[in-house]
C-alpha atoms as a PDB file:
ATOM      1  CA  MET A   1      28.130   4.918  -4.100  1.00  0.00           C
ATOM      2  CA  ASN A   2      26.125   2.251  -5.872  1.00  0.00           C
ATOM      3  CA  GLN A   3      22.595   2.697  -7.204  1.00  0.00           C
ATOM      4  CA  ILE A   4      20.889   0.666  -4.493  1.00  0.00           C
ATOM      5  CA  ARG A   5      22.570   2.695  -1.724  1.00  0.00           C
ATOM      6  CA  ARG A   6      21.460   5.920  -3.421  1.00  0.00           C
ATOM      7  CA  PHE A   7      17.930   4.512  -3.716  1.00  0.00           C
ATOM      8  CA  ARG A   8      17.931   3.555  -0.018  1.00  0.00           C
ATOM      9  CA  ILE A   9      18.874   7.104   0.938  1.00  0.00           C
ATOM     10  CA  THR A  10      16.151   8.528  -1.307  1.00  0.00           C
ATOM     11  CA  ALA A  11      13.597   6.050   0.077  1.00  0.00           C
ATOM     12  CA  LEU A  12      14.402   6.963   3.679  1.00  0.00           C
ATOM     13  CA  ALA A  13      14.266  10.685   2.886  1.00  0.00           C
ATOM     14  CA  GLU A  14      10.939  10.224   1.074  1.00  0.00           C
ATOM     15  CA  GLY A  15       9.516   8.207   3.965  1.00  0.00           C
ATOM     16  CA  SER A  16      10.692  10.781   6.497  1.00  0.00           C
ATOM     17  CA  SER A  17       9.182  13.639   4.507  1.00  0.00           C
ATOM     18  CA  PHE A  18       5.892  11.713   4.260  1.00  0.00           C
ATOM     19  CA  LEU A  19       5.769  11.247   8.047  1.00  0.00           C
ATOM     20  CA  LEU A  20       6.659  14.898   8.555  1.00  0.00           C
ATOM     21  CA  LEU A  21       3.838  15.865   6.212  1.00  0.00           C
ATOM     22  CA  LEU A  22       1.285  13.595   7.893  1.00  0.00           C
ATOM     23  CA  PHE A  23       2.156  14.068  11.548  1.00  0.00           C
ATOM     24  CA  VAL A  24       3.571  17.592  11.735  1.00  0.00           C
ATOM     25  CA  ALA A  25       2.535  19.726   8.765  1.00  0.00           C
ATOM     26  CA  MET A  26      -1.078  18.541   8.454  1.00  0.00           C
ATOM     27  CA  PRO A  27      -1.869  19.066  12.166  1.00  0.00           C
ATOM     28  CA  MET A  28      -0.248  22.500  11.949  1.00  0.00           C
ATOM     29  CA  LYS A  29      -2.503  23.328   9.008  1.00  0.00           C
ATOM     30  CA  TYR A  30      -5.737  22.175  10.595  1.00  0.00           C
ATOM     31  CA  PHE A  31      -5.168  22.946  14.272  1.00  0.00           C
ATOM     32  CA  MET A  32      -2.959  26.030  14.072  1.00  0.00           C
ATOM     33  CA  GLY A  33      -4.150  27.559  10.804  1.00  0.00           C
ATOM     34  CA  MET A  34      -0.739  27.374   9.108  1.00  0.00           C
ATOM     35  CA  PRO A  35      -1.355  26.047   5.561  1.00  0.00           C
ATOM     36  CA  GLU A  36       2.010  27.332   4.317  1.00  0.00           C
ATOM     37  CA  VAL A  37       3.756  24.553   6.258  1.00  0.00           C
ATOM     38  CA  VAL A  38       1.937  21.922   4.191  1.00  0.00           C
ATOM     39  CA  ARG A  39       2.845  23.754   1.008  1.00  0.00           C
ATOM     40  CA  GLY A  40       6.555  23.723   1.859  1.00  0.00           C
ATOM     41  CA  VAL A  41       6.780  20.194   3.224  1.00  0.00           C
ATOM     42  CA  GLY A  42       4.446  18.928   0.500  1.00  0.00           C
ATOM     43  CA  THR A  43       6.683  20.335  -2.226  1.00  0.00           C
ATOM     44  CA  ILE A  44       9.764  18.686  -0.748  1.00  0.00           C
ATOM     45  CA  HIS A  45       7.897  15.409  -0.333  1.00  0.00           C
ATOM     46  CA  GLY A  46       6.623  15.566  -3.908  1.00  0.00           C
ATOM     47  CA  ILE A  47      10.126  16.040  -5.297  1.00  0.00           C
ATOM     48  CA  LEU A  48      11.454  13.164  -3.183  1.00  0.00           C
ATOM     49  CA  PHE A  49       8.554  10.945  -4.292  1.00  0.00           C
ATOM     50  CA  LEU A  50       9.323  11.638  -7.960  1.00  0.00           C
ATOM     51  CA  LEU A  51      13.011  10.847  -7.355  1.00  0.00           C
ATOM     52  CA  PHE A  52      11.966   7.629  -5.607  1.00  0.00           C
ATOM     53  CA  VAL A  53       9.770   6.512  -8.500  1.00  0.00           C
ATOM     54  CA  GLY A  54      12.399   7.414 -11.086  1.00  0.00           C
ATOM     55  CA  GLN A  55      15.128   5.525  -9.262  1.00  0.00           C
ATOM     56  CA  LEU A  56      12.807   2.570  -8.721  1.00  0.00           C
ATOM     57  CA  ALA A  57      12.058   2.395 -12.448  1.00  0.00           C
ATOM     58  CA  ARG A  58      15.764   2.568 -13.287  1.00  0.00           C
ATOM     59  CA  LEU A  59      16.670  -0.139 -10.761  1.00  0.00           C
ATOM     60  CA  HIS A  60      13.807  -2.351 -11.908  1.00  0.00           C
ATOM     61  CA  THR A  61      15.282  -2.262 -15.410  1.00  0.00           C
ATOM     62  CA  LYS A  62      19.019  -2.316 -14.701  1.00  0.00           C
ATOM     63  CA  GLN A  63      19.020  -4.739 -11.766  1.00  0.00           C
ATOM     64  CA  GLN A  64      16.241  -6.839 -13.361  1.00  0.00           C
ATOM     65  CA  TRP A  65      14.189  -6.777 -10.192  1.00  0.00           C
ATOM     66  CA  GLU A  66      11.072  -8.915 -10.167  1.00  0.00           C
ATOM     67  CA  PHE A  67       7.905  -7.029 -11.010  1.00  0.00           C
ATOM     68  CA  ARG A  68       6.446  -8.152  -7.702  1.00  0.00           C
ATOM     69  CA  PHE A  69       9.310  -6.631  -5.702  1.00  0.00           C
ATOM     70  CA  SER A  70       9.090  -3.359  -7.633  1.00  0.00           C
ATOM     71  CA  CYS A  71       5.349  -3.195  -6.926  1.00  0.00           C
ATOM     72  CA  TYR A  72       6.059  -3.898  -3.258  1.00  0.00           C
ATOM     73  CA  ALA A  73       8.620  -1.067  -3.232  1.00  0.00           C
ATOM     74  CA  PHE A  74       6.155   1.334  -4.848  1.00  0.00           C
ATOM     75  CA  LEU A  75       3.446   0.370  -2.381  1.00  0.00           C
ATOM     76  CA  ALA A  76       5.900   0.977   0.460  1.00  0.00           C
ATOM     77  CA  SER A  77       6.314   4.555  -0.743  1.00  0.00           C
ATOM     78  CA  ILE A  78       2.628   5.357  -0.306  1.00  0.00           C
ATOM     79  CA  LEU A  79       2.173   3.727   3.103  1.00  0.00           C
ATOM     80  CA  PRO A  80       3.309   5.466   6.287  1.00  0.00           C
ATOM     81  CA  PHE A  81       6.492   3.788   7.592  1.00  0.00           C
ATOM     82  CA  GLY A  82       6.578   1.632   4.430  1.00  0.00           C
ATOM     83  CA  THR A  83       9.959   2.791   3.204  1.00  0.00           C
ATOM     84  CA  PHE A  84      11.505   1.935   6.567  1.00  0.00           C
ATOM     85  CA  VAL A  85      10.282  -1.655   6.229  1.00  0.00           C
ATOM     86  CA  LEU A  86      11.473  -1.680   2.610  1.00  0.00           C
ATOM     87  CA  ASP A  87      14.957  -0.598   3.723  1.00  0.00           C
ATOM     88  CA  LYS A  88      15.615  -4.026   5.256  1.00  0.00           C
ATOM     89  CA  HIS A  89      14.982  -5.701   1.906  1.00  0.00           C
ATOM     90  CA  LEU A  90      17.004  -3.103   0.030  1.00  0.00           C
ATOM     91  CA  ARG A  91      19.955  -3.675   2.373  1.00  0.00           C
ATOM     92  CA  GLU A  92      19.820  -7.380   1.514  1.00  0.00           C
ATOM     93  CA  LYS A  93      19.815  -6.576  -2.225  1.00  0.00           C
ATOM     94  CA  GLU A  94      22.683  -4.151  -1.743  1.00  0.00           C
ATOM     95  CA  VAL A  95      24.789  -6.775   0.033  1.00  0.00           C
ATOM     96  CA  ALA A  96      23.962  -9.340  -2.639  1.00  0.00           C
ATOM     97  CA  THR A  97      25.211  -7.047  -5.426  1.00  0.00           C
ATOM     98  CA  THR A  98      28.508  -6.109  -3.770  1.00  0.00           C
END
């Protein structure tokens, strides 16, 4: 599996965990009084976010991605649904490198 494919999988997992945190865990914390859900989902999301950033930095260097694209990818990771939009562009880069 190439690096871009691995990054795509991490990005989609990170984006999914972010949506789960925002739209499931946070309402459960505030409306159902279950803060432990946020702690668990938040930990998983945090680990996936760190993996995302680490892989992005590695790809930026090894694939010589433009600084602008790398900034766009980072911004996508902090916006809800951003990594799903980013996936289209990553698929194009993956096809171009194979």
